[in-house]
Amino acid sequence: NLYDAILVGIGNVLIDDPKLTTRLVKKIKNPIRIVLDTHGRTPLKA
């Protein structure tokens, strides 16, 4: 809720497929999601 963006690596996306949104507290906003993906491996259905 507090920070502009949330950053994870491609490994996190491939293993957990997270939403990275704000859900468990009263929401001010969803952070901008940033994925470090050097080789472009993010699944298009992620």
All heavy atoms as atom14 arrays in JSON, in Angstrom:
{
  "sequence": "NLYDAILVGIGNVLIDDPKLTTRLVKKIKNPIRIVLDTHGRTPLKA",
  "atom14_mask": [
    [1, 1, 1, 1, 1, 1, 1, 1, 0, 0, 0, 0, 0, 0],
    [1, 1, 1, 1, 1, 1, 1, 1, 0, 0, 0, 0, 0, 0],
    [1, 1, 1, 1, 1, 1, 1, 1, 1, 1, 1, 1, 0, 0],
    [1, 1, 1, 1, 1, 1, 1, 1, 0, 0, 0, 0, 0, 0],
    [1, 1, 1, 1, 1, 0, 0, 0, 0, 0, 0, 0, 0, 0],
    [1, 1, 1, 1, 1, 1, 1, 1, 0, 0, 0, 0, 0, 0],
    [1, 1, 1, 1, 1, 1, 1, 1, 0, 0, 0, 0, 0, 0],
    [1, 1, 1, 1, 1, 1, 1, 0, 0, 0, 0, 0, 0, 0],
    [1, 1, 1, 1, 0, 0, 0, 0, 0, 0, 0, 0, 0, 0],
    [1, 1, 1, 1, 1, 1, 1, 1, 0, 0, 0, 0, 0, 0],
    [1, 1, 1, 1, 0, 0, 0, 0, 0, 0, 0, 0, 0, 0],
    [1, 1, 1, 1, 1, 1, 1, 1, 0, 0, 0, 0, 0, 0],
    [1, 1, 1, 1, 1, 1, 1, 0, 0, 0, 0, 0, 0, 0],
    [1, 1, 1, 1, 1, 1, 1, 1, 0, 0, 0, 0, 0, 0],
    [1, 1, 1, 1, 1, 1, 1, 1, 0, 0, 0, 0, 0, 0],
    [1, 1, 1, 1, 1, 1, 1, 1, 0, 0, 0, 0, 0, 0],
    [1, 1, 1, 1, 1, 1, 1, 1, 0, 0, 0, 0, 0, 0],
    [1, 1, 1, 1, 1, 1, 1, 0, 0, 0, 0, 0, 0, 0],
    [1, 1, 1, 1, 1, 1, 1, 1, 1, 0, 0, 0, 0, 0],
    [1, 1, 1, 1, 1, 1, 1, 1, 0, 0, 0, 0, 0, 0],
    [1, 1, 1, 1, 1, 1, 1, 0, 0, 0, 0, 0, 0, 0],
    [1, 1, 1, 1, 1, 1, 1, 0, 0, 0, 0, 0, 0, 0],
    [1, 1, 1, 1, 1, 1, 1, 1, 1, 1, 1, 0, 0, 0],
    [1, 1, 1, 1, 1, 1, 1, 1, 0, 0, 0, 0, 0, 0],
    [1, 1, 1, 1, 1, 1, 1, 0, 0, 0, 0, 0, 0, 0],
    [1, 1, 1, 1, 1, 1, 1, 1, 1, 0, 0, 0, 0, 0],
    [1, 1, 1, 1, 1, 1, 1, 1, 1, 0, 0, 0, 0, 0],
    [1, 1, 1, 1, 1, 1, 1, 1, 0, 0, 0, 0, 0, 0],
    [1, 1, 1, 1, 1, 1, 1, 1, 1, 0, 0, 0, 0, 0],
    [1, 1, 1, 1, 1, 1, 1, 1, 0, 0, 0, 0, 0, 0],
    [1, 1, 1, 1, 1, 1, 1, 0, 0, 0, 0, 0, 0, 0],
    [1, 1, 1, 1, 1, 1, 1, 1, 0, 0, 0, 0, 0, 0],
    [1, 1, 1, 1, 1, 1, 1, 1, 1, 1, 1, 0, 0, 0],
    [1, 1, 1, 1, 1, 1, 1, 1, 0, 0, 0, 0, 0, 0],
    [1, 1, 1, 1, 1, 1, 1, 0, 0, 0, 0, 0, 0, 0],
    [1, 1, 1, 1, 1, 1, 1, 1, 0, 0, 0, 0, 0, 0],
    [1, 1, 1, 1, 1, 1, 1, 1, 0, 0, 0, 0, 0, 0],
    [1, 1, 1, 1, 1, 1, 1, 0, 0, 0, 0, 0, 0, 0],
    [1, 1, 1, 1, 1, 1, 1, 1, 1, 1, 0, 0, 0, 0],
    [1, 1, 1, 1, 0, 0, 0, 0, 0, 0, 0, 0, 0, 0],
    [1, 1, 1, 1, 1, 1, 1, 1, 1, 1, 1, 0, 0, 0],
    [1, 1, 1, 1, 1, 1, 1, 0, 0, 0, 0, 0, 0, 0],
    [1, 1, 1, 1, 1, 1, 1, 0, 0, 0, 0, 0, 0, 0],
    [1, 1, 1, 1, 1, 1, 1, 1, 0, 0, 0, 0, 0, 0],
    [1, 1, 1, 1, 1, 1, 1, 1, 1, 0, 0, 0, 0, 0],
    [1, 1, 1, 1, 1, 0, 0, 0, 0, 0, 0, 0, 0, 0]
  ],
  "atom14_positions": [
    [[0.82, -1.22, 0.0], [0.0, 0.0, 0.0], [0.85, 1.26, 0.0], [0.42, 2.31, -0.49], [-0.89, 0.01, 1.25], [-2.36, -0.06, 0.93], [-2.78, 0.18, -0.19], [-3.16, -0.38, 1.92], [0.0, 0.0, 0.0], [0.0, 0.0, 0.0], [0.0, 0.0, 0.0], [0.0, 0.0, 0.0], [0.0, 0.0, 0.0], [0.0, 0.0, 0.0]],
    [[2.06, 1.18, 0.58], [2.87, 2.36, 0.8], [3.81, 2.7, -0.35], [4.07, 3.87, -0.61], [3.7, 2.2, 2.08], [2.92, 2.03, 3.39], [3.9, 1.93, 4.55], [1.96, 3.18, 3.6], [0.0, 0.0, 0.0], [0.0, 0.0, 0.0], [0.0, 0.0, 0.0], [0.0, 0.0, 0.0], [0.0, 0.0, 0.0], [0.0, 0.0, 0.0]],
    [[4.34, 1.68, -1.0], [5.38, 1.91, -2.01], [4.79, 1.96, -3.42], [3.78, 1.32, -3.72], [6.46, 0.84, -1.9], [7.24, 0.94, -0.6], [6.98, 0.08, 0.47], [8.19, 1.93, -0.42], [7.67, 0.2, 1.67], [8.89, 2.06, 0.77], [8.62, 1.19, 1.81], [9.3, 1.32, 3.0], [0.0, 0.0, 0.0], [0.0, 0.0, 0.0]],
    [[5.48, 2.7, -4.28], [4.99, 2.88, -5.66], [4.98, 1.57, -6.42], [4.09, 1.32, -7.24], [5.9, 3.86, -6.42], [5.77, 5.29, -5.93], [4.85, 5.58, -5.15], [6.6, 6.13, -6.34], [0.0, 0.0, 0.0], [0.0, 0.0, 0.0], [0.0, 0.0, 0.0], [0.0, 0.0, 0.0], [0.0, 0.0, 0.0], [0.0, 0.0, 0.0]],
    [[6.02, 0.76, -6.21], [6.18, -0.45, -7.03], [6.67, -1.61, -6.18], [7.28, -1.42, -5.12], [7.18, -0.18, -8.16], [0.0, 0.0, 0.0], [0.0, 0.0, 0.0], [0.0, 0.0, 0.0], [0.0, 0.0, 0.0], [0.0, 0.0, 0.0], [0.0, 0.0, 0.0], [0.0, 0.0, 0.0], [0.0, 0.0, 0.0], [0.0, 0.0, 0.0]],
    [[6.39, -2.81, -6.66], [6.88, -4.04, -6.03], [7.68, -4.8, -7.07], [7.27, -4.9, -8.22], [5.72, -4.88, -5.47], [6.25, -6.16, -4.81], [4.69, -5.23, -6.54], [5.18, -6.94, -4.06], [0.0, 0.0, 0.0], [0.0, 0.0, 0.0], [0.0, 0.0, 0.0], [0.0, 0.0, 0.0], [0.0, 0.0, 0.0], [0.0, 0.0, 0.0]],
    [[8.85, -5.29, -6.68], [9.76, -5.93, -7.63], [10.05, -7.37, -7.23], [10.35, -7.65, -6.06], [11.05, -5.12, -7.71], [12.13, -5.61, -8.68], [12.91, -4.41, -9.25], [13.1, -6.59, -8.03], [0.0, 0.0, 0.0], [0.0, 0.0, 0.0], [0.0, 0.0, 0.0], [0.0, 0.0, 0.0], [0.0, 0.0, 0.0], [0.0, 0.0, 0.0]],
    [[9.98, -8.26, -8.21], [10.34, -9.67, -8.0], [11.19, -10.14, -9.18], [11.28, -9.47, -10.21], [9.11, -10.59, -7.86], [8.25, -10.18, -6.69], [8.28, -10.59, -9.15], [0.0, 0.0, 0.0], [0.0, 0.0, 0.0], [0.0, 0.0, 0.0], [0.0, 0.0, 0.0], [0.0, 0.0, 0.0], [0.0, 0.0, 0.0], [0.0, 0.0, 0.0]],
    [[11.78, -11.32, -9.02], [12.53, -11.92, -10.11], [11.68, -12.9, -10.89], [10.6, -13.31, -10.44], [0.0, 0.0, 0.0], [0.0, 0.0, 0.0], [0.0, 0.0, 0.0], [0.0, 0.0, 0.0], [0.0, 0.0, 0.0], [0.0, 0.0, 0.0], [0.0, 0.0, 0.0], [0.0, 0.0, 0.0], [0.0, 0.0, 0.0], [0.0, 0.0, 0.0]],
    [[12.17, -13.31, -12.04], [11.43, -14.23, -12.88], [11.21, -15.57, -12.18], [10.19, -16.24, -12.39], [12.16, -14.44, -14.24], [11.37, -15.39, -15.14], [13.57, -14.93, -14.03], [9.97, -14.93, -15.48], [0.0, 0.0, 0.0], [0.0, 0.0, 0.0], [0.0, 0.0, 0.0], [0.0, 0.0, 0.0], [0.0, 0.0, 0.0], [0.0, 0.0, 0.0]],
    [[12.14, -15.96, -11.3], [11.98, -17.22, -10.57], [10.71, -17.23, -9.74], [10.0, -18.24, -9.69], [0.0, 0.0, 0.0], [0.0, 0.0, 0.0], [0.0, 0.0, 0.0], [0.0, 0.0, 0.0], [0.0, 0.0, 0.0], [0.0, 0.0, 0.0], [0.0, 0.0, 0.0], [0.0, 0.0, 0.0], [0.0, 0.0, 0.0], [0.0, 0.0, 0.0]],
    [[10.42, -16.13, -9.1], [9.2, -16.0, -8.3], [7.97, -16.17, -9.17], [7.0, -16.84, -8.8], [9.2, -14.64, -7.59], [8.06, -14.45, -6.63], [6.9, -14.49, -7.02], [8.38, -14.22, -5.36], [0.0, 0.0, 0.0], [0.0, 0.0, 0.0], [0.0, 0.0, 0.0], [0.0, 0.0, 0.0], [0.0, 0.0, 0.0], [0.0, 0.0, 0.0]],
    [[7.99, -15.58, -10.35], [6.85, -15.66, -11.27], [6.66, -17.1, -11.76], [5.54, -17.62, -11.8], [7.05, -14.7, -12.47], [5.97, -14.92, -13.53], [7.04, -13.26, -11.99], [0.0, 0.0, 0.0], [0.0, 0.0, 0.0], [0.0, 0.0, 0.0], [0.0, 0.0, 0.0], [0.0, 0.0, 0.0], [0.0, 0.0, 0.0], [0.0, 0.0, 0.0]],
    [[7.76, -17.75, -12.11], [7.67, -19.11, -12.65], [7.24, -20.12, -11.6], [6.51, -21.08, -11.89], [9.02, -19.52, -13.25], [9.47, -18.74, -14.48], [10.88, -19.16, -14.88], [8.5, -18.93, -15.64], [0.0, 0.0, 0.0], [0.0, 0.0, 0.0], [0.0, 0.0, 0.0], [0.0, 0.0, 0.0], [0.0, 0.0, 0.0], [0.0, 0.0, 0.0]],
    [[7.67, -19.93, -10.35], [7.36, -20.91, -9.29], [6.0, -20.65, -8.66], [5.19, -21.56, -8.51], [8.47, -20.89, -8.22], [9.79, -21.39, -8.82], [8.08, -21.77, -7.02], [10.99, -21.16, -7.93], [0.0, 0.0, 0.0], [0.0, 0.0, 0.0], [0.0, 0.0, 0.0], [0.0, 0.0, 0.0], [0.0, 0.0, 0.0], [0.0, 0.0, 0.0]],
    [[5.73, -19.4, -8.28], [4.53, -19.08, -7.49], [3.41, -18.43, -8.3], [2.26, -18.41, -7.84], [4.89, -18.16, -6.32], [5.77, -18.85, -5.29], [5.69, -20.08, -5.18], [6.53, -18.14, -4.6], [0.0, 0.0, 0.0], [0.0, 0.0, 0.0], [0.0, 0.0, 0.0], [0.0, 0.0, 0.0], [0.0, 0.0, 0.0], [0.0, 0.0, 0.0]],
    [[3.71, -17.85, -9.45], [2.73, -17.12, -10.25], [1.92, -16.15, -9.4], [0.69, -16.2, -9.34], [1.79, -18.09, -10.98], [0.95, -17.39, -12.05], [1.38, -16.31, -12.52], [-0.11, -17.92, -12.42], [0.0, 0.0, 0.0], [0.0, 0.0, 0.0], [0.0, 0.0, 0.0], [0.0, 0.0, 0.0], [0.0, 0.0, 0.0], [0.0, 0.0, 0.0]],
    [[2.6, -15.21, -8.7], [1.9, -14.31, -7.77], [1.14, -13.2, -8.48], [1.47, -12.8, -9.6], [3.06, -13.72, -6.96], [4.19, -13.68, -7.94], [4.04, -14.91, -8.8], [0.0, 0.0, 0.0], [0.0, 0.0, 0.0], [0.0, 0.0, 0.0], [0.0, 0.0, 0.0], [0.0, 0.0, 0.0], [0.0, 0.0, 0.0], [0.0, 0.0, 0.0]],
    [[0.12, -12.66, -7.79], [-0.61, -11.5, -8.31], [0.11, -10.21, -7.99], [0.01, -9.23, -8.73], [-2.02, -11.46, -7.71], [-2.94, -12.56, -8.2], [-4.34, -12.36, -7.63], [-5.31, -13.42, -8.17], [-6.68, -13.21, -7.65], [0.0, 0.0, 0.0], [0.0, 0.0, 0.0], [0.0, 0.0, 0.0], [0.0, 0.0, 0.0], [0.0, 0.0, 0.0]],
    [[0.77, -10.16, -6.82], [1.5, -8.97, -6.37], [0.61, -7.75, -6.23], [1.01, -6.62, -6.5], [2.67, -8.66, -7.31], [3.7, -9.79, -7.5], [4.79, -9.35, -8.47], [4.3, -10.22, -6.17], [0.0, 0.0, 0.0], [0.0, 0.0, 0.0], [0.0, 0.0, 0.0], [0.0, 0.0, 0.0], [0.0, 0.0, 0.0], [0.0, 0.0, 0.0]],
    [[-0.63, -7.98, -5.8], [-1.58, -6.88, -5.58], [-1.83, -6.72, -4.08], [-1.43, -7.56, -3.27], [-2.9, -7.16, -6.3], [-3.38, -8.46, -5.93], [-2.72, -7.11, -7.8], [0.0, 0.0, 0.0], [0.0, 0.0, 0.0], [0.0, 0.0, 0.0], [0.0, 0.0, 0.0], [0.0, 0.0, 0.0], [0.0, 0.0, 0.0], [0.0, 0.0, 0.0]],
    [[-2.52, -5.65, -3.72], [-2.86, -5.38, -2.33], [-4.25, -5.95, -2.05], [-5.23, -5.5, -2.65], [-2.86, -3.87, -2.05], [-1.59, -3.33, -2.42], [-3.13, -3.58, -0.58], [0.0, 0.0, 0.0], [0.0, 0.0, 0.0], [0.0, 0.0, 0.0], [0.0, 0.0, 0.0], [0.0, 0.0, 0.0], [0.0, 0.0, 0.0], [0.0, 0.0, 0.0]],
    [[-4.32, -6.95, -1.14], [-5.61, -7.62, -0.93], [-5.99, -7.8, 0.54], [-7.16, -7.85, 0.86], [-5.6, -9.01, -1.6], [-5.32, -8.98, -3.08], [-5.37, -10.36, -3.71], [-4.46, -11.32, -3.09], [-3.16, -11.38, -3.36], [-2.62, -10.53, -4.21], [-2.39, -12.28, -2.78], [0.0, 0.0, 0.0], [0.0, 0.0, 0.0], [0.0, 0.0, 0.0]],
    [[-5.02, -7.89, 1.43], [-5.31, -8.28, 2.81], [-5.52, -7.1, 3.75], [-5.75, -7.29, 4.94], [-4.19, -9.17, 3.35], [-3.92, -10.46, 2.54], [-2.83, -11.28, 3.22], [-5.19, -11.29, 2.4], [0.0, 0.0, 0.0], [0.0, 0.0, 0.0], [0.0, 0.0, 0.0], [0.0, 0.0, 0.0], [0.0, 0.0, 0.0], [0.0, 0.0, 0.0]],
    [[-5.44, -5.89, 3.23], [-5.68, -4.68, 4.05], [-6.57, -3.75, 3.25], [-6.8, -3.95, 2.05], [-4.35, -3.97, 4.4], [-3.49, -4.84, 5.29], [-3.59, -3.57, 3.14], [0.0, 0.0, 0.0], [0.0, 0.0, 0.0], [0.0, 0.0, 0.0], [0.0, 0.0, 0.0], [0.0, 0.0, 0.0], [0.0, 0.0, 0.0], [0.0, 0.0, 0.0]],
    [[-7.07, -2.7, 3.91], [-7.86, -1.7, 3.21], [-6.98, -1.05, 2.14], [-5.97, -0.43, 2.45], [-8.39, -0.64, 4.18], [-9.32, 0.37, 3.52], [-9.87, 1.36, 4.54], [-10.79, 2.37, 3.86], [-11.33, 3.36, 4.82], [0.0, 0.0, 0.0], [0.0, 0.0, 0.0], [0.0, 0.0, 0.0], [0.0, 0.0, 0.0], [0.0, 0.0, 0.0]],
    [[-7.37, -1.19, 0.9], [-6.48, -0.84, -0.2], [-6.5, 0.64, -0.55], [-7.55, 1.21, -0.79], [-6.86, -1.67, -1.43], [-5.93, -1.47, -2.63], [-6.11, -2.55, -3.68], [-7.47, -2.53, -4.3], [-7.62, -3.56, -5.34], [0.0, 0.0, 0.0], [0.0, 0.0, 0.0], [0.0, 0.0, 0.0], [0.0, 0.0, 0.0], [0.0, 0.0, 0.0]],
    [[-5.31, 1.23, -0.56], [-5.13, 2.56, -1.13], [-4.9, 2.41, -2.62], [-5.47, 3.11, -3.44], [-3.92, 3.27, -0.48], [-4.19, 3.56, 0.99], [-3.61, 4.57, -1.22], [-3.0, 4.09, 1.74], [0.0, 0.0, 0.0], [0.0, 0.0, 0.0], [0.0, 0.0, 0.0], [0.0, 0.0, 0.0], [0.0, 0.0, 0.0], [0.0, 0.0, 0.0]],
    [[-4.06, 1.46, -2.96], [-3.71, 1.25, -4.36], [-3.04, -0.11, -4.51], [-2.6, -0.72, -3.53], [-2.74, 2.33, -4.84], [-1.38, 2.23, -4.17], [-0.4, 3.22, -4.74], [1.02, 3.03, -4.28], [1.22, 2.73, -2.87], [0.0, 0.0, 0.0], [0.0, 0.0, 0.0], [0.0, 0.0, 0.0], [0.0, 0.0, 0.0], [0.0, 0.0, 0.0]],
    [[-2.94, -0.59, -5.74], [-2.06, -1.69, -6.07], [-0.73, -1.1, -6.53], [-0.71, -0.12, -7.28], [-2.64, -2.54, -7.21], [-3.73, -3.46, -6.73], [-3.63, -4.06, -5.67], [-4.8, -3.57, -7.5], [0.0, 0.0, 0.0], [0.0, 0.0, 0.0], [0.0, 0.0, 0.0], [0.0, 0.0, 0.0], [0.0, 0.0, 0.0], [0.0, 0.0, 0.0]],
    [[0.38, -1.68, -6.09], [1.66, -1.17, -6.57], [1.89, -1.55, -8.03], [1.29, -2.49, -8.54], [2.68, -1.88, -5.67], [2.01, -3.17, -5.3], [0.54, -2.83, -5.19], [0.0, 0.0, 0.0], [0.0, 0.0, 0.0], [0.0, 0.0, 0.0], [0.0, 0.0, 0.0], [0.0, 0.0, 0.0], [0.0, 0.0, 0.0], [0.0, 0.0, 0.0]],
    [[2.74, -0.79, -8.7], [3.17, -1.18, -10.04], [4.04, -2.42, -9.89], [4.93, -2.48, -9.04], [3.98, -0.04, -10.7], [3.11, 1.2, -10.85], [4.54, -0.48, -12.05], [3.89, 2.45, -11.2], [0.0, 0.0, 0.0], [0.0, 0.0, 0.0], [0.0, 0.0, 0.0], [0.0, 0.0, 0.0], [0.0, 0.0, 0.0], [0.0, 0.0, 0.0]],
    [[3.79, -3.43, -10.69], [4.52, -4.7, -10.57], [5.7, -4.7, -11.54], [5.54, -4.44, -12.73], [3.59, -5.87, -10.86], [2.38, -5.88, -9.93], [1.35, -6.9, -10.31], [0.72, -6.62, -11.6], [-0.36, -7.25, -12.05], [-0.92, -8.2, -11.32], [-0.87, -6.94, -13.23], [0.0, 0.0, 0.0], [0.0, 0.0, 0.0], [0.0, 0.0, 0.0]],
    [[6.89, -5.0, -11.01], [8.1, -5.04, -11.82], [8.7, -6.44, -11.75], [8.9, -6.98, -10.66], [9.14, -4.01, -11.33], [8.55, -2.59, -11.34], [10.41, -4.07, -12.18], [9.42, -1.57, -10.64], [0.0, 0.0, 0.0], [0.0, 0.0, 0.0], [0.0, 0.0, 0.0], [0.0, 0.0, 0.0], [0.0, 0.0, 0.0], [0.0, 0.0, 0.0]],
    [[8.97, -7.02, -12.91], [9.57, -8.35, -12.97], [10.94, -8.25, -13.64], [11.05, -7.73, -14.76], [8.69, -9.34, -13.77], [9.34, -10.72, -13.81], [7.29, -9.43, -13.16], [0.0, 0.0, 0.0], [0.0, 0.0, 0.0], [0.0, 0.0, 0.0], [0.0, 0.0, 0.0], [0.0, 0.0, 0.0], [0.0, 0.0, 0.0], [0.0, 0.0, 0.0]],
    [[11.98, -8.72, -12.94], [13.3, -8.8, -13.56], [13.34, -10.09, -14.37], [13.31, -11.2, -13.82], [14.39, -8.84, -12.47], [14.52, -7.62, -11.56], [15.73, -7.77, -10.66], [14.61, -6.34, -12.35], [0.0, 0.0, 0.0], [0.0, 0.0, 0.0], [0.0, 0.0, 0.0], [0.0, 0.0, 0.0], [0.0, 0.0, 0.0], [0.0, 0.0, 0.0]],
    [[13.4, -9.95, -15.68], [13.27, -11.1, -16.58], [14.24, -10.94, -17.73], [13.86, -10.62, -18.86], [11.82, -11.18, -17.08], [11.55, -12.42, -17.91], [12.43, -13.3, -17.98], [10.46, -12.5, -18.5], [0.0, 0.0, 0.0], [0.0, 0.0, 0.0], [0.0, 0.0, 0.0], [0.0, 0.0, 0.0], [0.0, 0.0, 0.0], [0.0, 0.0, 0.0]],
    [[15.51, -11.17, -17.45], [16.58, -10.9, -18.41], [16.32, -11.52, -19.78], [16.54, -10.89, -20.82], [17.92, -11.42, -17.87], [18.11, -10.92, -16.54], [19.08, -10.95, -18.74], [0.0, 0.0, 0.0], [0.0, 0.0, 0.0], [0.0, 0.0, 0.0], [0.0, 0.0, 0.0], [0.0, 0.0, 0.0], [0.0, 0.0, 0.0], [0.0, 0.0, 0.0]],
    [[15.84, -12.76, -19.78], [15.7, -13.5, -21.04], [14.25, -13.57, -21.55], [13.96, -14.31, -22.5], [16.26, -14.91, -20.88], [17.68, -14.93, -20.41], [18.72, -14.43, -21.18], [18.25, -15.36, -19.24], [19.86, -14.56, -20.5], [19.6, -15.11, -19.34], [0.0, 0.0, 0.0], [0.0, 0.0, 0.0], [0.0, 0.0, 0.0], [0.0, 0.0, 0.0]],
    [[13.34, -12.81, -20.93], [11.97, -12.75, -21.43], [11.21, -14.05, -21.28], [10.5, -14.48, -22.2], [0.0, 0.0, 0.0], [0.0, 0.0, 0.0], [0.0, 0.0, 0.0], [0.0, 0.0, 0.0], [0.0, 0.0, 0.0], [0.0, 0.0, 0.0], [0.0, 0.0, 0.0], [0.0, 0.0, 0.0], [0.0, 0.0, 0.0], [0.0, 0.0, 0.0]],
    [[11.29, -14.65, -20.09], [10.65, -15.97, -19.86], [9.28, -15.88, -19.19], [8.67, -16.91, -18.91], [11.57, -16.84, -19.02], [12.88, -17.23, -19.71], [13.65, -18.22, -18.86], [14.12, -17.62, -17.61], [14.35, -18.31, -16.49], [14.1, -19.61, -16.45], [14.8, -17.69, -15.42], [0.0, 0.0, 0.0], [0.0, 0.0, 0.0], [0.0, 0.0, 0.0]],
    [[8.78, -14.7, -18.9], [7.48, -14.58, -18.23], [6.39, -15.21, -19.1], [6.2, -14.82, -20.26], [7.13, -13.1, -17.98], [8.14, -12.5, -17.16], [5.77, -12.97, -17.3], [0.0, 0.0, 0.0], [0.0, 0.0, 0.0], [0.0, 0.0, 0.0], [0.0, 0.0, 0.0], [0.0, 0.0, 0.0], [0.0, 0.0, 0.0], [0.0, 0.0, 0.0]],
    [[5.65, -16.19, -18.56], [4.58, -16.83, -19.34], [3.49, -15.81, -19.68], [3.13, -14.96, -18.85], [4.04, -17.91, -18.4], [5.15, -18.16, -17.42], [5.83, -16.84, -17.24], [0.0, 0.0, 0.0], [0.0, 0.0, 0.0], [0.0, 0.0, 0.0], [0.0, 0.0, 0.0], [0.0, 0.0, 0.0], [0.0, 0.0, 0.0], [0.0, 0.0, 0.0]],
    [[2.95, -15.9, -20.87], [1.93, -14.94, -21.28], [0.62, -15.11, -20.5], [-0.24, -14.22, -20.54], [1.67, -15.06, -22.79], [2.87, -14.67, -23.67], [2.51, -14.83, -25.14], [3.34, -13.25, -23.39], [0.0, 0.0, 0.0], [0.0, 0.0, 0.0], [0.0, 0.0, 0.0], [0.0, 0.0, 0.0], [0.0, 0.0, 0.0], [0.0, 0.0, 0.0]],
    [[0.48, -16.23, -19.79], [-0.7, -16.44, -18.96], [-0.44, -16.12, -17.49], [-1.31, -16.35, -16.64], [-1.18, -17.89, -19.09], [-1.74, -18.24, -20.47], [-2.3, -19.65, -20.5], [-2.89, -19.98, -21.86], [-3.45, -21.37, -21.9], [0.0, 0.0, 0.0], [0.0, 0.0, 0.0], [0.0, 0.0, 0.0], [0.0, 0.0, 0.0], [0.0, 0.0, 0.0]],
    [[0.71, -15.56, -17.18], [1.06, -15.25, -15.79], [0.12, -14.21, -15.2], [-0.39, -13.34, -15.91], [2.5, -14.74, -15.72], [0.0, 0.0, 0.0], [0.0, 0.0, 0.0], [0.0, 0.0, 0.0], [0.0, 0.0, 0.0], [0.0, 0.0, 0.0], [0.0, 0.0, 0.0], [0.0, 0.0, 0.0], [0.0, 0.0, 0.0], [0.0, 0.0, 0.0]]
  ]
}
